[in-house]
Amino acid sequence: TITVGVGFVEASDSNSCTNVDHSVWNIGAVAVNENDAGDKLTAGVGIGSGEFAYDQGGSIDDVADWEAVEAGISYVSGDLTFTASFGDATAKDTAAGTVASATEKEDSKESLAMSIDYVVADGVTTTLGYLSAETAHEGTKQDSYSGSSWFVGTDLSF
């Protein structure tokens, strides 16, 4: 089974604060395949692009040249589930109403996540997960929003 979604928003902005109109599009697709044994493979990808004004709760930014892509995969076989995803996004932002210079640097975020779930017994599932993210603001890595982590846990259901 394949499912495709497409969307866009196009809106004029006539206020005196911002320089950009609201113009965003996106498209995504998900494919699911299940065999006779019940193993299920699911894969999806989505992309988007555009420009818009962004209210940060006190200040407004004009966001231009926003682009994003995300992809993920999941495989379920019996008591084992594996998932992985990747995301990458970039944008240029300026204070609302200002013109972006030719040397404006990008904001960006790249992330990778993976996990394995295993049903140890009825009501007991153990998970091993990993997440890595790198974020940059105006082209400079943001250590407080970047890094990696591991997760090991068990879920008990009664």
N, C-alpha and C. Protein backbone atom coordinates (compact mmCIF):
# COMPACT_ATOMS: atom_id res chain seq x y z
N THR A 1 0.84 -1.17 0.00
CA THR A 1 0.00 0.00 0.00
C THR A 1 0.89 1.24 0.00
N ILE A 2 0.57 2.19 -0.85
CA ILE A 2 1.30 3.45 -0.91
C ILE A 2 0.32 4.59 -0.68
N THR A 3 0.69 5.49 0.22
CA THR A 3 -0.12 6.67 0.50
C THR A 3 0.71 7.90 0.22
N VAL A 4 0.15 8.84 -0.54
CA VAL A 4 0.84 10.07 -0.90
C VAL A 4 0.02 11.25 -0.40
N GLY A 5 0.70 12.22 0.18
CA GLY A 5 0.04 13.45 0.63
C GLY A 5 0.76 14.66 0.07
N VAL A 6 -0.01 15.65 -0.34
CA VAL A 6 0.54 16.88 -0.90
C VAL A 6 -0.21 18.05 -0.29
N GLY A 7 0.51 19.12 0.02
CA GLY A 7 -0.15 20.29 0.56
C GLY A 7 0.60 21.55 0.24
N PHE A 8 -0.13 22.66 0.25
CA PHE A 8 0.53 23.95 0.06
C PHE A 8 -0.33 25.03 0.71
N VAL A 9 0.33 26.11 1.07
CA VAL A 9 -0.33 27.29 1.60
C VAL A 9 0.24 28.48 0.85
N GLU A 10 -0.62 29.30 0.33
CA GLU A 10 -0.20 30.51 -0.37
C GLU A 10 -1.07 31.64 0.16
N ALA A 11 -0.45 32.62 0.81
CA ALA A 11 -1.22 33.71 1.41
C ALA A 11 -0.45 35.01 1.32
N SER A 12 -1.14 36.08 0.98
CA SER A 12 -0.52 37.40 0.95
C SER A 12 -0.43 37.94 2.36
N ASP A 13 0.60 38.69 2.61
CA ASP A 13 0.83 39.29 3.92
C ASP A 13 0.86 40.80 3.73
N SER A 14 -0.18 41.47 4.16
CA SER A 14 -0.27 42.91 3.93
C SER A 14 0.05 43.73 5.16
N ASN A 15 0.65 43.11 6.18
CA ASN A 15 0.98 43.91 7.36
C ASN A 15 2.28 44.67 7.14
N SER A 16 2.57 45.62 7.98
CA SER A 16 3.75 46.46 7.82
C SER A 16 4.98 45.87 8.51
N CYS A 17 4.85 44.73 9.17
CA CYS A 17 5.96 44.16 9.94
C CYS A 17 6.87 43.25 9.13
N THR A 18 6.32 42.52 8.17
CA THR A 18 7.10 41.47 7.51
C THR A 18 7.31 41.76 6.03
N ASN A 19 8.34 41.14 5.47
CA ASN A 19 8.65 41.28 4.05
C ASN A 19 8.23 40.07 3.23
N VAL A 20 7.93 38.95 3.86
CA VAL A 20 7.63 37.72 3.11
C VAL A 20 6.15 37.40 3.17
N ASP A 21 5.65 36.84 2.08
CA ASP A 21 4.31 36.28 2.08
C ASP A 21 4.42 34.86 2.63
N HIS A 22 3.29 34.25 2.89
CA HIS A 22 3.27 32.87 3.40
C HIS A 22 3.13 31.95 2.18
N SER A 23 4.20 31.24 1.87
CA SER A 23 4.22 30.37 0.70
C SER A 23 4.99 29.10 1.06
N VAL A 24 4.26 28.02 1.34
CA VAL A 24 4.89 26.78 1.78
C VAL A 24 4.24 25.61 1.03
N TRP A 25 5.05 24.64 0.61
CA TRP A 25 4.52 23.42 0.00
C TRP A 25 5.20 22.21 0.66
N ASN A 26 4.53 21.07 0.59
CA ASN A 26 5.12 19.84 1.08
C ASN A 26 4.51 18.65 0.35
N ILE A 27 5.27 17.58 0.32
CA ILE A 27 4.81 16.33 -0.28
C ILE A 27 5.42 15.17 0.52
N GLY A 28 4.66 14.13 0.70
CA GLY A 28 5.16 12.97 1.43
C GLY A 28 4.55 11.69 0.90
N ALA A 29 5.26 10.60 1.12
CA ALA A 29 4.77 9.29 0.69
C ALA A 29 5.17 8.25 1.71
N VAL A 30 4.28 7.29 1.94
CA VAL A 30 4.53 6.18 2.85
C VAL A 30 4.15 4.89 2.12
N ALA A 31 5.03 3.90 2.18
CA ALA A 31 4.76 2.60 1.58
C ALA A 31 4.80 1.54 2.68
N VAL A 32 3.82 0.64 2.67
CA VAL A 32 3.73 -0.43 3.65
C VAL A 32 3.65 -1.75 2.89
N ASN A 33 4.48 -2.70 3.32
CA ASN A 33 4.47 -4.02 2.71
C ASN A 33 4.46 -5.06 3.82
N GLU A 34 3.51 -5.99 3.75
CA GLU A 34 3.41 -7.06 4.75
C GLU A 34 3.41 -8.40 4.03
N ASN A 35 4.25 -9.32 4.52
CA ASN A 35 4.29 -10.63 3.89
C ASN A 35 3.35 -11.60 4.59
N ASP A 36 3.29 -12.83 4.09
CA ASP A 36 2.37 -13.84 4.64
C ASP A 36 2.68 -14.21 6.09
N ALA A 37 3.93 -14.06 6.50
CA ALA A 37 4.33 -14.38 7.87
C ALA A 37 3.97 -13.27 8.85
N GLY A 38 3.49 -12.13 8.33
CA GLY A 38 3.12 -11.02 9.20
C GLY A 38 4.22 -9.99 9.40
N ASP A 39 5.39 -10.20 8.79
CA ASP A 39 6.45 -9.19 8.87
C ASP A 39 6.01 -7.96 8.09
N LYS A 40 6.25 -6.78 8.66
CA LYS A 40 5.79 -5.56 8.02
C LYS A 40 6.93 -4.57 7.87
N LEU A 41 7.12 -4.08 6.66
CA LEU A 41 8.11 -3.05 6.35
C LEU A 41 7.37 -1.78 5.96
N THR A 42 7.69 -0.69 6.65
CA THR A 42 7.07 0.60 6.35
C THR A 42 8.19 1.60 6.10
N ALA A 43 8.08 2.36 5.01
CA ALA A 43 9.07 3.38 4.68
C ALA A 43 8.34 4.65 4.25
N GLY A 44 8.88 5.77 4.66
CA GLY A 44 8.25 7.03 4.30
C GLY A 44 9.28 8.12 4.09
N VAL A 45 8.91 9.11 3.29
CA VAL A 45 9.76 10.27 3.04
C VAL A 45 8.87 11.48 2.81
N GLY A 46 9.34 12.62 3.27
CA GLY A 46 8.61 13.86 3.06
C GLY A 46 9.57 15.00 2.82
N ILE A 47 9.18 15.94 1.95
CA ILE A 47 9.99 17.12 1.69
C ILE A 47 9.09 18.34 1.69
N GLY A 48 9.68 19.47 1.98
CA GLY A 48 8.92 20.72 1.97
C GLY A 48 9.84 21.89 1.76
N SER A 49 9.25 23.03 1.37
CA SER A 49 10.03 24.22 1.11
C SER A 49 9.11 25.43 1.21
N GLY A 50 9.69 26.61 1.43
CA GLY A 50 8.87 27.80 1.41
C GLY A 50 9.44 28.95 2.19
N GLU A 51 8.57 29.95 2.42
CA GLU A 51 8.91 31.12 3.22
C GLU A 51 7.67 31.54 4.01
N PHE A 52 7.91 32.12 5.18
CA PHE A 52 6.80 32.48 6.05
C PHE A 52 7.31 33.40 7.16
N ALA A 53 6.40 34.08 7.83
CA ALA A 53 6.73 34.86 9.02
C ALA A 53 6.53 33.97 10.23
N TYR A 54 7.39 34.13 11.22
CA TYR A 54 7.37 33.28 12.39
C TYR A 54 7.34 34.14 13.65
N ASP A 55 6.30 34.02 14.44
CA ASP A 55 6.16 34.77 15.68
C ASP A 55 6.81 33.99 16.80
N GLN A 56 7.87 34.56 17.38
CA GLN A 56 8.60 33.88 18.45
C GLN A 56 8.15 34.32 19.83
N GLY A 57 6.96 34.90 19.92
CA GLY A 57 6.45 35.32 21.23
C GLY A 57 7.14 36.57 21.73
N GLY A 58 7.13 37.60 20.98
CA GLY A 58 7.78 38.85 21.36
C GLY A 58 8.55 39.45 20.21
N SER A 59 9.04 38.61 19.33
CA SER A 59 9.70 39.10 18.12
C SER A 59 9.22 38.25 16.94
N ILE A 60 9.23 38.86 15.78
CA ILE A 60 8.77 38.17 14.57
C ILE A 60 9.94 38.09 13.61
N ASP A 61 10.17 36.91 13.04
CA ASP A 61 11.21 36.71 12.03
C ASP A 61 10.57 36.44 10.69
N ASP A 62 11.24 36.91 9.64
CA ASP A 62 10.91 36.50 8.29
C ASP A 62 11.78 35.29 7.98
N VAL A 63 11.18 34.17 7.63
CA VAL A 63 11.92 32.95 7.32
C VAL A 63 11.84 32.73 5.81
N ALA A 64 13.01 32.69 5.17
CA ALA A 64 13.07 32.50 3.72
C ALA A 64 13.94 31.29 3.42
N ASP A 65 13.77 30.75 2.26
CA ASP A 65 14.58 29.62 1.81
C ASP A 65 14.55 28.44 2.76
N TRP A 66 13.36 28.19 3.38
CA TRP A 66 13.22 27.02 4.24
C TRP A 66 13.09 25.78 3.39
N GLU A 67 13.87 24.75 3.72
CA GLU A 67 13.79 23.46 3.04
C GLU A 67 13.95 22.36 4.09
N ALA A 68 13.19 21.31 3.94
CA ALA A 68 13.30 20.20 4.90
C ALA A 68 13.02 18.88 4.19
N VAL A 69 13.70 17.85 4.67
CA VAL A 69 13.43 16.49 4.20
C VAL A 69 13.50 15.57 5.42
N GLU A 70 12.58 14.63 5.49
CA GLU A 70 12.59 13.63 6.54
C GLU A 70 12.29 12.28 5.91
N ALA A 71 12.96 11.26 6.42
CA ALA A 71 12.73 9.90 5.93
C ALA A 71 12.79 8.94 7.10
N GLY A 72 12.00 7.89 7.01
CA GLY A 72 12.00 6.92 8.09
C GLY A 72 11.65 5.54 7.58
N ILE A 73 12.03 4.55 8.38
CA ILE A 73 11.75 3.17 8.02
C ILE A 73 11.44 2.41 9.32
N SER A 74 10.55 1.45 9.21
CA SER A 74 10.19 0.60 10.35
C SER A 74 10.03 -0.83 9.84
N TYR A 75 10.58 -1.76 10.59
CA TYR A 75 10.45 -3.17 10.24
C TYR A 75 10.00 -3.93 11.47
N VAL A 76 8.90 -4.66 11.35
CA VAL A 76 8.36 -5.44 12.45
C VAL A 76 8.35 -6.91 12.04
N SER A 77 8.96 -7.74 12.86
CA SER A 77 9.00 -9.17 12.61
C SER A 77 8.84 -9.89 13.94
N GLY A 78 7.67 -10.46 14.14
CA GLY A 78 7.42 -11.17 15.39
C GLY A 78 7.53 -10.24 16.58
N ASP A 79 8.47 -10.54 17.48
CA ASP A 79 8.65 -9.76 18.71
C ASP A 79 9.67 -8.63 18.55
N LEU A 80 10.19 -8.43 17.35
CA LEU A 80 11.26 -7.45 17.12
C LEU A 80 10.76 -6.31 16.24
N THR A 81 11.04 -5.07 16.66
CA THR A 81 10.71 -3.89 15.85
C THR A 81 11.96 -3.02 15.74
N PHE A 82 12.30 -2.66 14.51
CA PHE A 82 13.44 -1.77 14.25
C PHE A 82 12.90 -0.52 13.58
N THR A 83 13.33 0.65 14.05
CA THR A 83 12.94 1.91 13.42
C THR A 83 14.18 2.78 13.24
N ALA A 84 14.17 3.56 12.19
CA ALA A 84 15.24 4.53 11.94
C ALA A 84 14.65 5.72 11.20
N SER A 85 15.17 6.90 11.50
CA SER A 85 14.70 8.10 10.80
C SER A 85 15.84 9.09 10.65
N PHE A 86 15.70 9.94 9.63
CA PHE A 86 16.68 10.97 9.33
C PHE A 86 15.93 12.23 8.97
N GLY A 87 16.43 13.37 9.43
CA GLY A 87 15.84 14.64 9.07
C GLY A 87 16.92 15.68 8.82
N ASP A 88 16.66 16.56 7.87
CA ASP A 88 17.60 17.63 7.54
C ASP A 88 16.78 18.85 7.14
N ALA A 89 17.05 19.99 7.76
CA ALA A 89 16.31 21.21 7.44
C ALA A 89 17.25 22.41 7.47
N THR A 90 17.01 23.35 6.57
CA THR A 90 17.78 24.60 6.54
C THR A 90 16.82 25.75 6.27
N ALA A 91 17.22 26.93 6.72
CA ALA A 91 16.44 28.14 6.48
C ALA A 91 17.31 29.36 6.73
N LYS A 92 16.90 30.47 6.15
CA LYS A 92 17.52 31.76 6.44
C LYS A 92 16.45 32.62 7.08
N ASP A 93 16.79 33.24 8.20
CA ASP A 93 15.82 34.10 8.86
C ASP A 93 16.43 35.46 9.19
N THR A 94 15.58 36.47 9.19
CA THR A 94 15.99 37.83 9.54
C THR A 94 14.90 38.43 10.41
N ALA A 95 15.24 39.49 11.11
CA ALA A 95 14.21 40.20 11.87
C ALA A 95 13.15 40.68 10.89
N ALA A 96 11.90 40.59 11.28
CA ALA A 96 10.79 40.95 10.40
C ALA A 96 10.98 42.35 9.85
N GLY A 97 10.74 42.47 8.55
CA GLY A 97 10.81 43.77 7.89
C GLY A 97 12.17 44.16 7.39
N THR A 98 13.21 43.36 7.70
CA THR A 98 14.54 43.66 7.20
C THR A 98 14.84 42.81 5.98
N VAL A 99 15.73 43.27 5.16
CA VAL A 99 16.08 42.56 3.94
C VAL A 99 17.28 41.66 4.24
N ALA A 100 17.20 40.42 3.84
CA ALA A 100 18.31 39.49 4.04
C ALA A 100 19.48 39.89 3.16
N SER A 101 20.67 39.90 3.75
CA SER A 101 21.86 40.24 2.97
C SER A 101 22.30 39.02 2.17
N ALA A 102 23.13 39.28 1.17
CA ALA A 102 23.64 38.19 0.33
C ALA A 102 24.53 37.25 1.14
N THR A 103 25.05 37.72 2.26
CA THR A 103 25.94 36.89 3.07
C THR A 103 25.21 36.24 4.25
N GLU A 104 23.88 36.34 4.28
CA GLU A 104 23.09 35.73 5.36
C GLU A 104 23.41 34.25 5.45
N LYS A 105 23.71 33.78 6.66
CA LYS A 105 24.05 32.38 6.86
C LYS A 105 22.82 31.61 7.29
N GLU A 106 22.85 30.30 7.01
CA GLU A 106 21.69 29.44 7.27
C GLU A 106 21.62 28.96 8.71
N ASP A 107 20.38 28.76 9.13
CA ASP A 107 20.10 27.97 10.32
C ASP A 107 19.88 26.55 9.80
N SER A 108 20.24 25.55 10.59
CA SER A 108 20.08 24.18 10.12
C SER A 108 19.90 23.22 11.28
N LYS A 109 19.30 22.09 10.97
CA LYS A 109 19.21 21.00 11.93
C LYS A 109 19.26 19.69 11.17
N GLU A 110 20.09 18.78 11.64
CA GLU A 110 20.18 17.44 11.07
C GLU A 110 20.04 16.45 12.21
N SER A 111 19.21 15.44 12.03
CA SER A 111 19.01 14.46 13.10
C SER A 111 18.93 13.05 12.54
N LEU A 112 19.33 12.12 13.39
CA LEU A 112 19.29 10.70 13.07
C LEU A 112 18.82 9.97 14.32
N ALA A 113 17.86 9.09 14.18
CA ALA A 113 17.35 8.33 15.32
C ALA A 113 17.16 6.88 14.92
N MET A 114 17.45 5.98 15.85
CA MET A 114 17.26 4.55 15.62
C MET A 114 16.83 3.89 16.91
N SER A 115 16.02 2.85 16.81
CA SER A 115 15.66 2.10 18.00
C SER A 115 15.32 0.66 17.64
N ILE A 116 15.51 -0.20 18.62
CA ILE A 116 15.13 -1.61 18.50
C ILE A 116 14.29 -1.94 19.72
N ASP A 117 13.10 -2.49 19.49
CA ASP A 117 12.22 -2.96 20.56
C ASP A 117 12.16 -4.48 20.47
N TYR A 118 12.21 -5.13 21.62
CA TYR A 118 12.09 -6.58 21.65
C TYR A 118 11.13 -6.97 22.76
N VAL A 119 10.12 -7.76 22.41
CA VAL A 119 9.16 -8.25 23.40
C VAL A 119 9.79 -9.45 24.08
N VAL A 120 10.22 -9.25 25.32
CA VAL A 120 10.91 -10.29 26.08
C VAL A 120 9.92 -11.35 26.55
N ALA A 121 8.75 -10.90 27.00
CA ALA A 121 7.68 -11.78 27.47
C ALA A 121 6.38 -10.98 27.37
N ASP A 122 5.24 -11.64 27.57
CA ASP A 122 3.97 -10.91 27.55
C ASP A 122 4.04 -9.75 28.53
N GLY A 123 3.82 -8.52 28.01
CA GLY A 123 3.80 -7.34 28.87
C GLY A 123 5.17 -6.76 29.19
N VAL A 124 6.25 -7.32 28.62
CA VAL A 124 7.59 -6.82 28.90
C VAL A 124 8.30 -6.55 27.57
N THR A 125 8.56 -5.28 27.29
CA THR A 125 9.26 -4.88 26.07
C THR A 125 10.50 -4.08 26.45
N THR A 126 11.63 -4.46 25.89
CA THR A 126 12.88 -3.74 26.13
C THR A 126 13.24 -2.94 24.89
N THR A 127 13.71 -1.70 25.10
CA THR A 127 14.04 -0.80 24.00
C THR A 127 15.48 -0.33 24.13
N LEU A 128 16.18 -0.32 23.01
CA LEU A 128 17.50 0.29 22.89
C LEU A 128 17.37 1.36 21.82
N GLY A 129 17.68 2.60 22.17
CA GLY A 129 17.51 3.70 21.23
C GLY A 129 18.72 4.61 21.18
N TYR A 130 18.85 5.32 20.05
CA TYR A 130 19.95 6.26 19.82
C TYR A 130 19.40 7.48 19.10
N LEU A 131 19.88 8.66 19.49
CA LEU A 131 19.49 9.91 18.84
C LEU A 131 20.71 10.78 18.70
N SER A 132 20.88 11.37 17.52
CA SER A 132 21.96 12.30 17.28
C SER A 132 21.37 13.52 16.56
N ALA A 133 21.74 14.71 17.00
CA ALA A 133 21.24 15.93 16.37
C ALA A 133 22.35 16.98 16.35
N GLU A 134 22.39 17.74 15.26
CA GLU A 134 23.30 18.87 15.16
C GLU A 134 22.54 20.06 14.65
N THR A 135 22.61 21.15 15.40
CA THR A 135 21.87 22.36 15.08
C THR A 135 22.84 23.51 14.91
N ALA A 136 22.58 24.37 13.92
CA ALA A 136 23.40 25.56 13.71
C ALA A 136 22.49 26.77 13.58
N HIS A 137 22.96 27.89 14.11
CA HIS A 137 22.25 29.17 13.99
C HIS A 137 23.20 30.16 13.34
N GLU A 138 22.74 30.75 12.25
CA GLU A 138 23.57 31.66 11.46
C GLU A 138 24.91 31.01 11.09
N GLY A 139 24.85 29.71 10.77
CA GLY A 139 26.02 28.98 10.33
C GLY A 139 26.95 28.49 11.43
N THR A 140 26.64 28.80 12.69
CA THR A 140 27.49 28.40 13.81
C THR A 140 26.81 27.29 14.60
N LYS A 141 27.55 26.19 14.84
CA LYS A 141 26.99 25.07 15.58
C LYS A 141 26.52 25.52 16.96
N GLN A 142 25.34 25.05 17.34
CA GLN A 142 24.77 25.35 18.64
C GLN A 142 24.93 24.14 19.54
N ASP A 143 25.97 24.16 20.38
CA ASP A 143 26.26 23.02 21.23
C ASP A 143 25.11 22.68 22.17
N SER A 144 24.37 23.68 22.63
CA SER A 144 23.28 23.41 23.58
C SER A 144 22.10 22.70 22.93
N TYR A 145 22.04 22.67 21.59
CA TYR A 145 20.96 21.97 20.88
C TYR A 145 21.50 20.84 20.01
N SER A 146 22.75 20.45 20.23
CA SER A 146 23.39 19.40 19.44
C SER A 146 23.94 18.33 20.37
N GLY A 147 24.06 17.13 19.85
CA GLY A 147 24.65 16.05 20.64
C GLY A 147 24.02 14.72 20.31
N SER A 148 24.36 13.73 21.11
CA SER A 148 23.80 12.40 20.89
C SER A 148 23.49 11.77 22.24
N SER A 149 22.60 10.80 22.20
CA SER A 149 22.23 10.10 23.43
C SER A 149 21.80 8.67 23.12
N TRP A 150 21.96 7.83 24.11
CA TRP A 150 21.52 6.43 24.07
C TRP A 150 20.42 6.25 25.08
N PHE A 151 19.54 5.30 24.83
CA PHE A 151 18.46 4.99 25.75
C PHE A 151 18.32 3.49 25.85
N VAL A 152 18.23 2.99 27.06
CA VAL A 152 17.91 1.59 27.31
C VAL A 152 16.79 1.57 28.35
N GLY A 153 15.71 0.88 28.05
CA GLY A 153 14.61 0.85 28.99
C GLY A 153 13.73 -0.35 28.79
N THR A 154 12.89 -0.57 29.76
CA THR A 154 11.93 -1.68 29.72
C THR A 154 10.55 -1.16 30.07
N ASP A 155 9.57 -1.57 29.30
CA ASP A 155 8.18 -1.20 29.51
C ASP A 155 7.44 -2.42 30.07
N LEU A 156 6.79 -2.23 31.20
CA LEU A 156 6.03 -3.32 31.82
C LEU A 156 4.55 -3.00 31.73
N SER A 157 3.77 -3.93 31.23
CA SER A 157 2.31 -3.77 31.15
C SER A 157 1.65 -4.87 31.97
N PHE A 158 0.64 -4.45 32.74
CA PHE A 158 -0.07 -5.43 33.58
C PHE A 158 -1.50 -5.57 33.11
